[in-house]
Amino acid sequence: MSDAWFSSKLAPDGDTTDGCHPDEATALAAYLHKTSTASEAAQAITRPIATAEDPKFDLPRIYSLLQDAFVELPAENIELLVALLQAIEDLPALDFSAVTEKERPDDTLWKGLPGFGHQWYDVGYRSGSWKTDAKVSIAPARDALRAGHVRRAEVEARLAMAGLASIPISWGYEVVVDSLEGNDVLLDFEVLAAAEWFVICARRFRDGADMGEKTYAIKEGMSLERWEVWETRLGDLQRQAGVVGRAATRALDAMRAVDGERM
């Protein structure tokens, strides 16, 4: 992992509205280079926000750095980044009595990472533009777009399963429903994204089926019948060549492993 990536995230001319604080980049680099623990990194990377004159205004800055790390750095860093987010959420509440009421954030500040999910939603593939971009792009740009789309799905699934950053399991249901039940599906994007959710969350989806879980993504609620419909659809997609068939196989294997646990 090149130090150039961390340098590229620094605020130009010290203007932190256009980049991150140097201490935040330094803290993240030290952690991902494994010279600090998650707890140490959490304290170091949040210090510039905790001591800022307007913590509420500056909070999105650290979110941008962490979100970029999730999608731009090599995939082997995802587990470390999830652990870092957990350590940040576990930080004690801060005393903001010296901060003006207008600029004072929620006293818990880090618990649930308020606003993280909304920011991720707004700047990521959930903004809706990805499908238009995918339809007009050609390789290698399209391949890069697909890789980013699938990476975001993996990160969301991991955060949802970890109960971090207020990322809901409903997002996973939405991805699966769109890819396996929707119209105008870009199979090489959407089935691959769904596969990431299945590999990470299949057991959670099956639990939802067992309990008839209600979610905005499935108006009538999750059910065993829908679970079986998904298995059938993935079995059909498994016959396709290339990335779609391989992704369908990964998803189906995850579902069948969960089915086997219930026998």
C-alpha atoms as a PDB file:
ATOM      1  CA  MET A   1       0.000   0.000   0.000  1.00  0.00           C
ATOM      2  CA  SER A   2       1.575   3.252  -1.163  1.00  0.00           C
ATOM      3  CA  ASP A   3       1.977   6.249   1.115  1.00  0.00           C
ATOM      4  CA  ALA A   4       0.987   8.322  -1.906  1.00  0.00           C
ATOM      5  CA  TRP A   5      -2.645   7.364  -1.326  1.00  0.00           C
ATOM      6  CA  PHE A   6      -2.630   8.905   2.142  1.00  0.00           C
ATOM      7  CA  SER A   7      -0.869  12.019   0.838  1.00  0.00           C
ATOM      8  CA  SER A   8      -3.510  12.378  -1.864  1.00  0.00           C
ATOM      9  CA  LYS A   9      -6.196  12.688   0.814  1.00  0.00           C
ATOM     10  CA  LEU A  10      -4.574  15.622   2.590  1.00  0.00           C
ATOM     11  CA  ALA A  11      -6.227  19.001   2.456  1.00  0.00           C
ATOM     12  CA  PRO A  12      -4.529  21.155  -0.194  1.00  0.00           C
ATOM     13  CA  ASP A  13      -3.025  24.314   1.313  1.00  0.00           C
ATOM     14  CA  GLY A  14      -4.278  23.188   4.701  1.00  0.00           C
ATOM     15  CA  ASP A  15      -7.916  23.800   3.782  1.00  0.00           C
ATOM     16  CA  THR A  16      -9.656  20.870   5.445  1.00  0.00           C
ATOM     17  CA  THR A  17     -12.878  21.550   3.558  1.00  0.00           C
ATOM     18  CA  ASP A  18     -11.130  19.970   0.569  1.00  0.00           C
ATOM     19  CA  GLY A  19      -9.424  17.058   2.258  1.00  0.00           C
ATOM     20  CA  CYS A  20      -8.530  15.477   5.558  1.00  0.00           C
ATOM     21  CA  HIS A  21      -6.484  16.746   8.457  1.00  0.00           C
ATOM     22  CA  PRO A  22      -2.827  15.557   8.329  1.00  0.00           C
ATOM     23  CA  ASP A  23      -3.203  13.865  11.721  1.00  0.00           C
ATOM     24  CA  GLU A  24      -6.137  11.837  10.406  1.00  0.00           C
ATOM     25  CA  ALA A  25      -4.143  10.575   7.426  1.00  0.00           C
ATOM     26  CA  THR A  26      -1.162   9.811   9.661  1.00  0.00           C
ATOM     27  CA  ALA A  27      -3.308   7.884  12.125  1.00  0.00           C
ATOM     28  CA  LEU A  28      -4.949   5.820   9.402  1.00  0.00           C
ATOM     29  CA  ALA A  29      -1.612   5.056   7.723  1.00  0.00           C
ATOM     30  CA  ALA A  30      -0.039   3.929  10.987  1.00  0.00           C
ATOM     31  CA  TYR A  31      -2.965   1.647  11.702  1.00  0.00           C
ATOM     32  CA  LEU A  32      -3.119   0.052   8.253  1.00  0.00           C
ATOM     33  CA  HIS A  33       0.651  -0.402   8.340  1.00  0.00           C
ATOM     34  CA  LYS A  34       0.009  -2.224  11.643  1.00  0.00           C
ATOM     35  CA  THR A  35       2.112   0.045  13.827  1.00  0.00           C
ATOM     36  CA  SER A  36      -0.843   0.965  16.040  1.00  0.00           C
ATOM     37  CA  THR A  37      -3.851  -0.860  17.426  1.00  0.00           C
ATOM     38  CA  ALA A  38      -7.455  -0.188  16.475  1.00  0.00           C
ATOM     39  CA  SER A  39      -8.032   1.498  19.832  1.00  0.00           C
ATOM     40  CA  GLU A  40      -4.982   3.721  19.447  1.00  0.00           C
ATOM     41  CA  ALA A  41      -5.899   4.587  15.873  1.00  0.00           C
ATOM     42  CA  ALA A  42      -9.484   5.406  16.853  1.00  0.00           C
ATOM     43  CA  GLN A  43      -8.303   7.935  19.416  1.00  0.00           C
ATOM     44  CA  ALA A  44      -5.722   9.449  17.084  1.00  0.00           C
ATOM     45  CA  ILE A  45      -7.884   9.704  13.976  1.00  0.00           C
ATOM     46  CA  THR A  46     -10.794  11.323  15.833  1.00  0.00           C
ATOM     47  CA  ARG A  47      -8.742  13.810  17.856  1.00  0.00           C
ATOM     48  CA  PRO A  48      -8.850  16.607  15.239  1.00  0.00           C
ATOM     49  CA  ILE A  49     -12.652  16.356  15.166  1.00  0.00           C
ATOM     50  CA  ALA A  50     -13.008  16.103  18.946  1.00  0.00           C
ATOM     51  CA  THR A  51     -10.922  19.247  19.439  1.00  0.00           C
ATOM     52  CA  ALA A  52     -12.383  21.250  16.538  1.00  0.00           C
ATOM     53  CA  GLU A  53     -14.256  24.499  17.050  1.00  0.00           C
ATOM     54  CA  ASP A  54     -17.190  23.051  15.102  1.00  0.00           C
ATOM     55  CA  PRO A  55     -17.132  19.242  15.406  1.00  0.00           C
ATOM     56  CA  LYS A  56     -20.495  18.842  13.673  1.00  0.00           C
ATOM     57  CA  PHE A  57     -19.230  20.680  10.580  1.00  0.00           C
ATOM     58  CA  ASP A  58     -15.949  18.762  10.459  1.00  0.00           C
ATOM     59  CA  LEU A  59     -17.399  15.282  11.024  1.00  0.00           C
ATOM     60  CA  PRO A  60     -18.027  14.489   7.311  1.00  0.00           C
ATOM     61  CA  ARG A  61     -14.320  15.006   6.673  1.00  0.00           C
ATOM     62  CA  ILE A  62     -13.251  11.924   8.600  1.00  0.00           C
ATOM     63  CA  TYR A  63     -16.116   9.955   7.100  1.00  0.00           C
ATOM     64  CA  SER A  64     -14.871  10.791   3.600  1.00  0.00           C
ATOM     65  CA  LEU A  65     -11.390   9.535   4.455  1.00  0.00           C
ATOM     66  CA  LEU A  66     -12.672   6.264   5.898  1.00  0.00           C
ATOM     67  CA  GLN A  67     -15.163   5.688   3.090  1.00  0.00           C
ATOM     68  CA  ASP A  68     -12.489   6.283   0.459  1.00  0.00           C
ATOM     69  CA  ALA A  69     -10.250   3.801   2.277  1.00  0.00           C
ATOM     70  CA  PHE A  70     -12.980   1.167   2.153  1.00  0.00           C
ATOM     71  CA  VAL A  71     -13.431   1.415  -1.613  1.00  0.00           C
ATOM     72  CA  GLU A  72     -10.010   2.466  -2.901  1.00  0.00           C
ATOM     73  CA  LEU A  73      -7.455   0.540  -0.862  1.00  0.00           C
ATOM     74  CA  PRO A  74      -6.744  -3.188  -1.402  1.00  0.00           C
ATOM     75  CA  ALA A  75      -9.535  -5.487  -0.204  1.00  0.00           C
ATOM     76  CA  GLU A  76      -7.373  -7.020   2.530  1.00  0.00           C
ATOM     77  CA  ASN A  77      -7.797  -3.751   4.440  1.00  0.00           C
ATOM     78  CA  ILE A  78     -11.577  -4.088   4.768  1.00  0.00           C
ATOM     79  CA  GLU A  79     -11.434  -6.230   7.898  1.00  0.00           C
ATOM     80  CA  LEU A  80      -9.013  -3.801   9.529  1.00  0.00           C
ATOM     81  CA  LEU A  81     -11.223  -0.857   8.627  1.00  0.00           C
ATOM     82  CA  VAL A  82     -14.304  -2.556  10.066  1.00  0.00           C
ATOM     83  CA  ALA A  83     -12.370  -3.102  13.301  1.00  0.00           C
ATOM     84  CA  LEU A  84     -11.364   0.569  13.286  1.00  0.00           C
ATOM     85  CA  LEU A  85     -14.971   1.689  12.902  1.00  0.00           C
ATOM     86  CA  GLN A  86     -15.906  -0.539  15.831  1.00  0.00           C
ATOM     87  CA  ALA A  87     -13.151   1.051  17.917  1.00  0.00           C
ATOM     88  CA  ILE A  88     -14.372   4.527  16.960  1.00  0.00           C
ATOM     89  CA  GLU A  89     -17.944   3.648  17.914  1.00  0.00           C
ATOM     90  CA  ASP A  90     -16.636   2.347  21.238  1.00  0.00           C
ATOM     91  CA  LEU A  91     -14.947   5.652  22.132  1.00  0.00           C
ATOM     92  CA  PRO A  92     -16.341   7.287  25.273  1.00  0.00           C
ATOM     93  CA  ALA A  93     -18.720  10.224  24.982  1.00  0.00           C
ATOM     94  CA  LEU A  94     -16.955  13.577  24.803  1.00  0.00           C
ATOM     95  CA  ASP A  95     -17.528  16.720  26.843  1.00  0.00           C
ATOM     96  CA  PHE A  96     -18.718  19.444  24.480  1.00  0.00           C
ATOM     97  CA  SER A  97     -19.779  21.888  27.179  1.00  0.00           C
ATOM     98  CA  ALA A  98     -17.228  24.411  25.885  1.00  0.00           C
ATOM     99  CA  VAL A  99     -18.646  24.241  22.348  1.00  0.00           C
ATOM    100  CA  THR A 100     -21.460  26.626  21.441  1.00  0.00           C
ATOM    101  CA  GLU A 101     -24.878  24.985  21.419  1.00  0.00           C
ATOM    102  CA  LYS A 102     -25.309  25.625  17.688  1.00  0.00           C
ATOM    103  CA  GLU A 103     -22.060  23.832  16.854  1.00  0.00           C
ATOM    104  CA  ARG A 104     -22.366  21.125  19.512  1.00  0.00           C
ATOM    105  CA  PRO A 105     -22.854  17.593  18.124  1.00  0.00           C
ATOM    106  CA  ASP A 106     -24.750  14.825  19.800  1.00  0.00           C
ATOM    107  CA  ASP A 107     -22.918  14.097  23.042  1.00  0.00           C
ATOM    108  CA  THR A 108     -22.463  10.478  22.006  1.00  0.00           C
ATOM    109  CA  LEU A 109     -20.891  11.644  18.716  1.00  0.00           C
ATOM    110  CA  TRP A 110     -19.234   8.369  17.756  1.00  0.00           C
ATOM    111  CA  LYS A 111     -21.851   5.794  18.733  1.00  0.00           C
ATOM    112  CA  GLY A 112     -23.591   4.735  15.539  1.00  0.00           C
ATOM    113  CA  LEU A 113     -21.361   7.101  13.552  1.00  0.00           C
ATOM    114  CA  PRO A 114     -24.207   9.601  13.010  1.00  0.00           C
ATOM    115  CA  GLY A 115     -24.459  10.620   9.377  1.00  0.00           C
ATOM    116  CA  PHE A 116     -22.009   8.007   8.075  1.00  0.00           C
ATOM    117  CA  GLY A 117     -24.693   5.967   6.338  1.00  0.00           C
ATOM    118  CA  HIS A 118     -26.337   9.020   4.797  1.00  0.00           C
ATOM    119  CA  GLN A 119     -23.023  10.261   3.421  1.00  0.00           C
ATOM    120  CA  TRP A 120     -22.156   6.805   2.081  1.00  0.00           C
ATOM    121  CA  TYR A 121     -25.573   6.609   0.420  1.00  0.00           C
ATOM    122  CA  ASP A 122     -25.275  10.034  -1.197  1.00  0.00           C
ATOM    123  CA  VAL A 123     -21.795   9.638  -2.697  1.00  0.00           C
ATOM    124  CA  GLY A 124     -21.870   5.900  -3.479  1.00  0.00           C
ATOM    125  CA  TYR A 125     -23.625   3.740  -6.018  1.00  0.00           C
ATOM    126  CA  ARG A 126     -26.915   4.181  -4.179  1.00  0.00           C
ATOM    127  CA  SER A 127     -27.101   7.703  -5.600  1.00  0.00           C
ATOM    128  CA  GLY A 128     -28.518   6.033  -8.734  1.00  0.00           C
ATOM    129  CA  SER A 129     -26.091   7.270 -11.351  1.00  0.00           C
ATOM    130  CA  TRP A 130     -24.089   4.041 -11.445  1.00  0.00           C
ATOM    131  CA  LYS A 131     -26.570   2.237 -13.696  1.00  0.00           C
ATOM    132  CA  THR A 132     -26.580   5.029 -16.269  1.00  0.00           C
ATOM    133  CA  ASP A 133     -22.787   5.153 -16.186  1.00  0.00           C
ATOM    134  CA  ALA A 134     -22.560   1.356 -16.560  1.00  0.00           C
ATOM    135  CA  LYS A 135     -24.825   1.331 -19.595  1.00  0.00           C
ATOM    136  CA  VAL A 136     -22.723   3.847 -21.516  1.00  0.00           C
ATOM    137  CA  SER A 137     -19.254   2.750 -20.375  1.00  0.00           C
ATOM    138  CA  ILE A 138     -16.979   0.303 -22.162  1.00  0.00           C
ATOM    139  CA  ALA A 139     -14.004  -1.684 -20.909  1.00  0.00           C
ATOM    140  CA  PRO A 140     -11.798  -0.964 -19.068  1.00  0.00           C
ATOM    141  CA  ALA A 141     -13.845   1.880 -17.551  1.00  0.00           C
ATOM    142  CA  ARG A 142     -16.861  -0.393 -17.177  1.00  0.00           C
ATOM    143  CA  ASP A 143     -14.790  -3.079 -15.470  1.00  0.00           C
ATOM    144  CA  ALA A 144     -13.512  -0.510 -12.975  1.00  0.00           C
ATOM    145  CA  LEU A 145     -17.038   0.731 -12.353  1.00  0.00           C
ATOM    146  CA  ARG A 146     -18.205  -2.833 -11.727  1.00  0.00           C
ATOM    147  CA  ALA A 147     -15.355  -3.505  -9.318  1.00  0.00           C
ATOM    148  CA  GLY A 148     -16.256  -0.411  -7.319  1.00  0.00           C
ATOM    149  CA  HIS A 149     -19.932  -1.356  -7.296  1.00  0.00           C
ATOM    150  CA  VAL A 150     -19.193  -4.838  -5.967  1.00  0.00           C
ATOM    151  CA  ARG A 151     -16.704  -3.535  -3.403  1.00  0.00           C
ATOM    152  CA  ARG A 152     -19.308  -1.160  -2.004  1.00  0.00           C
ATOM    153  CA  ALA A 153     -21.750  -4.037  -1.659  1.00  0.00           C
ATOM    154  CA  GLU A 154     -19.160  -6.058   0.267  1.00  0.00           C
ATOM    155  CA  VAL A 155     -18.425  -3.162   2.604  1.00  0.00           C
ATOM    156  CA  GLU A 156     -22.114  -2.510   3.246  1.00  0.00           C
ATOM    157  CA  ALA A 157     -22.741  -6.171   4.000  1.00  0.00           C
ATOM    158  CA  ARG A 158     -19.832  -6.342   6.425  1.00  0.00           C
ATOM    159  CA  LEU A 159     -20.908  -3.193   8.236  1.00  0.00           C
ATOM    160  CA  ALA A 160     -24.525  -4.340   8.400  1.00  0.00           C
ATOM    161  CA  MET A 161     -23.500  -7.677   9.905  1.00  0.00           C
ATOM    162  CA  ALA A 162     -21.209  -5.933  12.376  1.00  0.00           C
ATOM    163  CA  GLY A 163     -23.998  -3.554  13.382  1.00  0.00           C
ATOM    164  CA  LEU A 164     -21.843  -0.544  12.543  1.00  0.00           C
ATOM    165  CA  ALA A 165     -22.362   2.891  11.022  1.00  0.00           C
ATOM    166  CA  SER A 166     -26.152   2.508  10.977  1.00  0.00           C
ATOM    167  CA  ILE A 167     -26.006   0.460   7.749  1.00  0.00           C
ATOM    168  CA  PRO A 168     -29.289  -1.516   7.735  1.00  0.00           C
ATOM    169  CA  ILE A 169     -29.824  -5.093   6.603  1.00  0.00           C
ATOM    170  CA  SER A 170     -32.679  -3.676   4.514  1.00  0.00           C
ATOM    171  CA  TRP A 171     -30.071  -2.429   2.046  1.00  0.00           C
ATOM    172  CA  GLY A 172     -29.051  -6.030   1.492  1.00  0.00           C
ATOM    173  CA  TYR A 173     -32.623  -7.132   0.909  1.00  0.00           C
ATOM    174  CA  GLU A 174     -32.972  -4.312  -1.608  1.00  0.00           C
ATOM    175  CA  VAL A 175     -29.862  -5.375  -3.531  1.00  0.00           C
ATOM    176  CA  VAL A 176     -31.015  -9.003  -3.679  1.00  0.00           C
ATOM    177  CA  VAL A 177     -34.597  -8.184  -4.653  1.00  0.00           C
ATOM    178  CA  ASP A 178     -33.440  -5.816  -7.396  1.00  0.00           C
ATOM    179  CA  SER A 179     -30.961  -8.337  -8.800  1.00  0.00           C
ATOM    180  CA  LEU A 180     -33.105 -11.488  -8.615  1.00  0.00           C
ATOM    181  CA  GLU A 181     -36.641 -10.143  -8.961  1.00  0.00           C
ATOM    182  CA  GLY A 182     -36.239  -6.817 -10.730  1.00  0.00           C
ATOM    183  CA  ASN A 183     -36.620  -5.634 -14.292  1.00  0.00           C
ATOM    184  CA  ASP A 184     -33.883  -3.998 -16.356  1.00  0.00           C
ATOM    185  CA  VAL A 185     -31.221  -5.802 -14.327  1.00  0.00           C
ATOM    186  CA  LEU A 186     -27.542  -5.362 -15.192  1.00  0.00           C
ATOM    187  CA  LEU A 187     -26.629  -8.915 -14.313  1.00  0.00           C
ATOM    188  CA  ASP A 188     -22.862  -8.479 -14.320  1.00  0.00           C
ATOM    189  CA  PHE A 189     -23.216  -5.662 -11.764  1.00  0.00           C
ATOM    190  CA  GLU A 190     -26.248  -6.546  -9.688  1.00  0.00           C
ATOM    191  CA  VAL A 191     -25.842 -10.307  -9.342  1.00  0.00           C
ATOM    192  CA  LEU A 192     -22.220  -9.781  -8.325  1.00  0.00           C
ATOM    193  CA  ALA A 193     -23.288  -7.242  -5.697  1.00  0.00           C
ATOM    194  CA  ALA A 194     -26.001  -9.594  -4.435  1.00  0.00           C
ATOM    195  CA  ALA A 195     -23.452 -12.396  -4.167  1.00  0.00           C
ATOM    196  CA  GLU A 196     -21.404 -10.319  -1.721  1.00  0.00           C
ATOM    197  CA  TRP A 197     -24.451  -9.890   0.475  1.00  0.00           C
ATOM    198  CA  PHE A 198     -25.255 -13.608   0.320  1.00  0.00           C
ATOM    199  CA  VAL A 199     -21.707 -14.683   1.162  1.00  0.00           C
ATOM    200  CA  ILE A 200     -21.657 -12.409   4.210  1.00  0.00           C
ATOM    201  CA  CYS A 201     -25.318 -12.297   5.264  1.00  0.00           C
ATOM    202  CA  ALA A 202     -26.980 -15.511   4.035  1.00  0.00           C
ATOM    203  CA  ARG A 203     -27.583 -16.719   7.574  1.00  0.00           C
ATOM    204  CA  ARG A 204     -29.083 -13.344   8.489  1.00  0.00           C
ATOM    205  CA  PHE A 205     -31.381 -13.448   5.448  1.00  0.00           C
ATOM    206  CA  ARG A 206     -32.516 -16.956   6.332  1.00  0.00           C
ATOM    207  CA  ASP A 207     -33.233 -15.855   9.900  1.00  0.00           C
ATOM    208  CA  GLY A 208     -35.325 -13.069   8.396  1.00  0.00           C
ATOM    209  CA  ALA A 209     -37.202 -15.635   6.328  1.00  0.00           C
ATOM    210  CA  ASP A 210     -37.870 -17.762   9.396  1.00  0.00           C
ATOM    211  CA  MET A 211     -39.308 -14.805  11.335  1.00  0.00           C
ATOM    212  CA  GLY A 212     -41.172 -13.154   8.429  1.00  0.00           C
ATOM    213  CA  GLU A 213     -39.078 -10.020   8.786  1.00  0.00           C
ATOM    214  CA  LYS A 214     -40.655  -6.787   7.582  1.00  0.00           C
ATOM    215  CA  THR A 215     -38.560  -4.381   5.527  1.00  0.00           C
ATOM    216  CA  TYR A 216     -39.200  -1.559   3.087  1.00  0.00           C
ATOM    217  CA  ALA A 217     -37.417  -3.618   0.423  1.00  0.00           C
ATOM    218  CA  ILE A 218     -39.995  -6.431   0.670  1.00  0.00           C
ATOM    219  CA  LYS A 219     -43.442  -4.989   1.270  1.00  0.00           C
ATOM    220  CA  GLU A 220     -45.057  -8.312   2.093  1.00  0.00           C
ATOM    221  CA  GLY A 221     -42.185  -9.359   4.337  1.00  0.00           C
ATOM    222  CA  MET A 222     -39.378 -11.873   3.996  1.00  0.00           C
ATOM    223  CA  SER A 223     -40.437 -15.525   3.831  1.00  0.00           C
ATOM    224  CA  LEU A 224     -39.183 -19.042   3.204  1.00  0.00           C
ATOM    225  CA  GLU A 225     -41.057 -18.973  -0.106  1.00  0.00           C
ATOM    226  CA  ARG A 226     -39.024 -15.962  -1.224  1.00  0.00           C
ATOM    227  CA  TRP A 227     -35.814 -17.629  -0.032  1.00  0.00           C
ATOM    228  CA  GLU A 228     -36.646 -20.599  -2.271  1.00  0.00           C
ATOM    229  CA  VAL A 229     -37.448 -18.292  -5.197  1.00  0.00           C
ATOM    230  CA  TRP A 230     -34.002 -16.756  -4.807  1.00  0.00           C
ATOM    231  CA  GLU A 231     -32.375 -20.193  -4.791  1.00  0.00           C
ATOM    232  CA  THR A 232     -34.203 -21.145  -7.976  1.00  0.00           C
ATOM    233  CA  ARG A 233     -33.267 -17.916  -9.702  1.00  0.00           C
ATOM    234  CA  LEU A 234     -29.619 -18.284  -8.727  1.00  0.00           C
ATOM    235  CA  GLY A 235     -29.671 -21.843 -10.025  1.00  0.00           C
ATOM    236  CA  ASP A 236     -30.773 -20.505 -13.406  1.00  0.00           C
ATOM    237  CA  LEU A 237     -28.121 -17.766 -13.365  1.00  0.00           C
ATOM    238  CA  GLN A 238     -25.477 -20.306 -12.403  1.00  0.00           C
ATOM    239  CA  ARG A 239     -25.661 -21.680 -15.934  1.00  0.00           C
ATOM    240  CA  GLN A 240     -24.453 -18.422 -17.427  1.00  0.00           C
ATOM    241  CA  ALA A 241     -20.838 -18.117 -18.470  1.00  0.00           C
ATOM    242  CA  GLY A 242     -18.371 -15.701 -16.958  1.00  0.00           C
ATOM    243  CA  VAL A 243     -18.679 -13.480 -13.916  1.00  0.00           C
ATOM    244  CA  VAL A 244     -22.451 -13.829 -13.582  1.00  0.00           C
ATOM    245  CA  GLY A 245     -22.365 -17.621 -13.384  1.00  0.00           C
ATOM    246  CA  ARG A 246     -19.478 -17.569 -10.915  1.00  0.00           C
ATOM    247  CA  ALA A 247     -21.216 -15.005  -8.708  1.00  0.00           C
ATOM    248  CA  ALA A 248     -24.458 -16.998  -8.762  1.00  0.00           C
ATOM    249  CA  THR A 249     -22.520 -20.096  -7.676  1.00  0.00           C
ATOM    250  CA  ARG A 250     -20.970 -18.208  -4.728  1.00  0.00           C
ATOM    251  CA  ALA A 251     -24.364 -16.943  -3.631  1.00  0.00           C
ATOM    252  CA  LEU A 252     -26.025 -20.332  -4.049  1.00  0.00           C
ATOM    253  CA  ASP A 253     -23.267 -22.081  -2.110  1.00  0.00           C
ATOM    254  CA  ALA A 254     -23.789 -19.637   0.766  1.00  0.00           C
ATOM    255  CA  MET A 255     -27.547 -20.255   0.765  1.00  0.00           C
ATOM    256  CA  ARG A 256     -27.157 -24.018   0.652  1.00  0.00           C
ATOM    257  CA  ALA A 257     -24.646 -23.957   3.502  1.00  0.00           C
ATOM    258  CA  VAL A 258     -27.243 -22.186   5.639  1.00  0.00           C
ATOM    259  CA  ASP A 259     -29.945 -24.626   4.509  1.00  0.00           C
ATOM    260  CA  GLY A 260     -27.669 -27.491   5.552  1.00  0.00           C
ATOM    261  CA  GLU A 261     -27.308 -26.022   9.057  1.00  0.00           C
ATOM    262  CA  ARG A 262     -31.066 -26.240   9.527  1.00  0.00           C
ATOM    263  CA  MET A 263     -31.362 -29.901   8.601  1.00  0.00           C
END
